N, C-alpha and C. Protein backbone atom coordinates (compact mmCIF):
# COMPACT_ATOMS: atom_id res chain seq x y z
N UNK A 1 17.80 -48.23 14.80
CA UNK A 1 16.74 -47.71 15.64
C UNK A 1 15.55 -47.31 14.75
N UNK A 2 14.39 -47.64 15.22
CA UNK A 2 13.18 -47.32 14.46
C UNK A 2 12.79 -45.86 14.64
N UNK A 3 11.80 -45.45 13.88
CA UNK A 3 11.28 -44.10 14.05
C UNK A 3 10.51 -44.03 15.36
N UNK A 4 10.59 -42.90 16.00
CA UNK A 4 9.86 -42.71 17.26
C UNK A 4 8.37 -42.59 16.98
N UNK A 5 7.58 -43.09 17.91
CA UNK A 5 6.13 -42.93 17.86
C UNK A 5 5.72 -42.25 19.15
N UNK A 6 4.85 -41.26 19.03
CA UNK A 6 4.38 -40.55 20.22
C UNK A 6 2.87 -40.69 20.33
N UNK A 7 2.44 -40.92 21.55
CA UNK A 7 1.01 -40.98 21.85
C UNK A 7 0.75 -40.05 23.03
N UNK A 8 -0.27 -39.23 22.89
CA UNK A 8 -0.67 -38.34 23.97
C UNK A 8 -2.04 -38.78 24.46
N UNK A 9 -2.14 -39.00 25.77
CA UNK A 9 -3.39 -39.40 26.40
C UNK A 9 -3.92 -38.19 27.17
N UNK A 10 -4.83 -37.46 26.56
CA UNK A 10 -5.30 -36.19 27.10
C UNK A 10 -5.99 -36.34 28.45
N UNK A 11 -6.77 -37.40 28.63
CA UNK A 11 -7.48 -37.57 29.90
C UNK A 11 -6.54 -37.67 31.08
N UNK A 12 -5.38 -38.29 30.86
CA UNK A 12 -4.39 -38.45 31.92
C UNK A 12 -3.25 -37.44 31.84
N UNK A 13 -3.19 -36.67 30.74
CA UNK A 13 -2.11 -35.72 30.46
C UNK A 13 -0.75 -36.43 30.49
N UNK A 14 -0.68 -37.54 29.74
CA UNK A 14 0.52 -38.36 29.67
C UNK A 14 1.00 -38.41 28.22
N UNK A 15 2.29 -38.17 28.03
CA UNK A 15 2.92 -38.31 26.72
C UNK A 15 3.81 -39.54 26.77
N UNK A 16 3.60 -40.46 25.85
CA UNK A 16 4.43 -41.66 25.76
C UNK A 16 5.19 -41.62 24.45
N UNK A 17 6.51 -41.75 24.53
CA UNK A 17 7.37 -41.76 23.35
C UNK A 17 7.92 -43.17 23.22
N UNK A 18 7.53 -43.86 22.16
CA UNK A 18 7.99 -45.22 21.92
C UNK A 18 9.19 -45.16 20.99
N UNK A 19 10.28 -45.72 21.45
CA UNK A 19 11.51 -45.73 20.67
C UNK A 19 11.68 -47.06 19.96
N UNK A 20 11.37 -48.13 20.66
CA UNK A 20 11.52 -49.48 20.11
C UNK A 20 10.45 -50.39 20.69
N UNK A 21 9.81 -51.17 19.82
CA UNK A 21 8.82 -52.15 20.26
C UNK A 21 9.51 -53.26 21.04
N UNK A 22 8.80 -53.88 21.94
CA UNK A 22 9.35 -55.02 22.67
C UNK A 22 8.82 -55.08 24.08
N UNK A 23 9.35 -56.02 24.80
CA UNK A 23 8.91 -56.24 26.18
C UNK A 23 9.72 -55.38 27.15
N UNK A 24 9.01 -54.61 27.95
CA UNK A 24 9.65 -53.76 28.96
C UNK A 24 10.08 -54.63 30.13
N UNK A 25 11.33 -54.47 30.54
CA UNK A 25 11.87 -55.25 31.64
C UNK A 25 12.05 -54.42 32.90
N UNK A 26 12.30 -53.13 32.72
CA UNK A 26 12.59 -52.26 33.86
C UNK A 26 12.11 -50.85 33.55
N UNK A 27 11.80 -50.13 34.61
CA UNK A 27 11.38 -48.75 34.49
C UNK A 27 12.22 -47.93 35.47
N UNK A 28 12.84 -46.86 34.99
CA UNK A 28 13.67 -46.00 35.85
C UNK A 28 13.16 -44.57 35.82
N UNK A 29 13.15 -43.95 36.98
CA UNK A 29 12.76 -42.54 37.05
C UNK A 29 13.95 -41.69 36.65
N UNK A 30 13.77 -40.88 35.61
CA UNK A 30 14.82 -39.98 35.14
C UNK A 30 14.77 -38.64 35.87
N UNK A 31 13.56 -38.19 36.11
CA UNK A 31 13.29 -36.93 36.81
C UNK A 31 11.86 -37.03 37.32
N UNK A 32 11.45 -36.05 38.11
CA UNK A 32 10.08 -36.04 38.61
C UNK A 32 9.10 -36.10 37.44
N UNK A 33 8.22 -37.10 37.43
CA UNK A 33 7.19 -37.30 36.39
C UNK A 33 7.73 -37.77 35.04
N UNK A 34 8.99 -38.21 34.98
CA UNK A 34 9.56 -38.71 33.73
C UNK A 34 10.22 -40.06 34.00
N UNK A 35 9.78 -41.08 33.27
CA UNK A 35 10.35 -42.41 33.45
C UNK A 35 10.87 -42.96 32.13
N UNK A 36 11.90 -43.79 32.23
CA UNK A 36 12.48 -44.47 31.08
C UNK A 36 12.08 -45.94 31.16
N UNK A 37 11.68 -46.48 30.03
CA UNK A 37 11.33 -47.89 29.95
C UNK A 37 12.47 -48.61 29.25
N UNK A 38 12.99 -49.66 29.89
CA UNK A 38 14.17 -50.37 29.39
C UNK A 38 13.84 -51.83 29.08
N UNK A 39 14.56 -52.40 28.12
CA UNK A 39 14.40 -53.82 27.83
C UNK A 39 15.35 -54.63 28.72
N UNK A 40 15.39 -55.94 28.52
CA UNK A 40 16.21 -56.82 29.36
C UNK A 40 17.70 -56.56 29.20
N UNK A 41 18.13 -55.90 28.13
CA UNK A 41 19.53 -55.54 27.93
C UNK A 41 19.88 -54.19 28.52
N UNK A 42 18.87 -53.51 29.10
CA UNK A 42 19.08 -52.18 29.67
C UNK A 42 19.02 -51.07 28.64
N UNK A 43 18.51 -51.38 27.44
CA UNK A 43 18.42 -50.39 26.37
C UNK A 43 17.10 -49.63 26.47
N UNK A 44 17.14 -48.36 26.15
CA UNK A 44 15.96 -47.50 26.21
C UNK A 44 14.96 -47.88 25.14
N UNK A 45 13.72 -48.12 25.59
CA UNK A 45 12.64 -48.49 24.67
C UNK A 45 11.58 -47.41 24.58
N UNK A 46 11.44 -46.63 25.65
CA UNK A 46 10.41 -45.62 25.67
C UNK A 46 10.58 -44.65 26.81
N UNK A 47 9.87 -43.55 26.71
CA UNK A 47 9.87 -42.52 27.75
C UNK A 47 8.43 -42.14 28.02
N UNK A 48 8.09 -42.01 29.28
CA UNK A 48 6.75 -41.59 29.66
C UNK A 48 6.85 -40.31 30.48
N UNK A 49 6.05 -39.32 30.09
CA UNK A 49 6.05 -38.03 30.77
C UNK A 49 4.66 -37.78 31.34
N UNK A 50 4.58 -37.73 32.67
CA UNK A 50 3.33 -37.39 33.34
C UNK A 50 3.22 -35.88 33.42
N UNK A 51 2.00 -35.37 33.49
CA UNK A 51 1.76 -33.92 33.47
C UNK A 51 2.48 -33.31 32.27
N UNK A 52 2.28 -33.93 31.12
CA UNK A 52 3.03 -33.58 29.90
C UNK A 52 2.81 -32.14 29.44
N UNK A 53 1.58 -31.65 29.52
CA UNK A 53 1.32 -30.28 29.04
C UNK A 53 2.10 -29.26 29.86
N UNK A 54 2.17 -29.48 31.15
CA UNK A 54 2.93 -28.58 32.04
C UNK A 54 4.43 -28.67 31.72
N UNK A 55 4.92 -29.88 31.52
CA UNK A 55 6.33 -30.11 31.20
C UNK A 55 6.71 -29.40 29.90
N UNK A 56 5.92 -29.60 28.86
CA UNK A 56 6.23 -28.99 27.56
C UNK A 56 6.13 -27.48 27.62
N UNK A 57 5.11 -26.99 28.30
CA UNK A 57 4.97 -25.54 28.47
C UNK A 57 6.21 -24.95 29.13
N UNK A 58 6.68 -25.58 30.19
CA UNK A 58 7.86 -25.08 30.90
C UNK A 58 9.11 -25.13 30.03
N UNK A 59 9.28 -26.19 29.26
CA UNK A 59 10.45 -26.31 28.38
C UNK A 59 10.43 -25.23 27.30
N UNK A 60 9.28 -25.03 26.68
CA UNK A 60 9.16 -24.03 25.61
C UNK A 60 9.45 -22.63 26.15
N UNK A 61 8.85 -22.29 27.28
CA UNK A 61 9.07 -20.97 27.85
C UNK A 61 10.53 -20.78 28.29
N UNK A 62 11.11 -21.81 28.86
CA UNK A 62 12.51 -21.73 29.29
C UNK A 62 13.43 -21.53 28.09
N UNK A 63 13.21 -22.28 27.02
CA UNK A 63 14.05 -22.17 25.82
C UNK A 63 13.90 -20.81 25.15
N UNK A 64 12.73 -20.22 25.28
CA UNK A 64 12.50 -18.91 24.69
C UNK A 64 12.96 -17.78 25.61
N UNK A 65 13.48 -18.16 26.77
CA UNK A 65 13.93 -17.15 27.72
C UNK A 65 12.77 -16.43 28.40
N UNK A 66 11.62 -17.09 28.46
CA UNK A 66 10.42 -16.48 29.01
C UNK A 66 9.88 -17.27 30.20
N UNK A 67 10.76 -17.88 30.97
CA UNK A 67 10.33 -18.76 32.04
C UNK A 67 9.56 -18.05 33.16
N UNK A 68 9.59 -16.71 33.16
CA UNK A 68 8.84 -15.97 34.17
C UNK A 68 7.38 -15.77 33.76
N UNK A 69 7.01 -16.13 32.53
CA UNK A 69 5.63 -15.97 32.05
C UNK A 69 4.79 -17.20 32.39
N UNK A 70 3.52 -17.00 32.55
CA UNK A 70 2.56 -18.07 32.73
C UNK A 70 1.61 -18.06 31.55
N UNK A 71 1.18 -19.22 31.11
CA UNK A 71 0.23 -19.32 30.02
C UNK A 71 -1.18 -19.31 30.60
N UNK A 72 -2.05 -18.51 30.01
CA UNK A 72 -3.42 -18.39 30.48
C UNK A 72 -4.15 -19.72 30.32
N UNK A 73 -5.10 -19.94 31.23
CA UNK A 73 -5.92 -21.13 31.09
C UNK A 73 -5.95 -21.90 32.27
């Protein structure tokens, strides 16, 4: 497996994590706003997270045990 590459598109608030280069054959929804990109063998090639800043904020606060807090802004 290659090294992961991440691209953040601020205008759309989308985080794309590339796991393996190649042609995408299928896309599956893993959770709300999170999709997996698969090749023709069904292997994971990438992950796309919509509303990425909100997703990451929620994960960080949850892991810190501070899920009841809101970030200003």
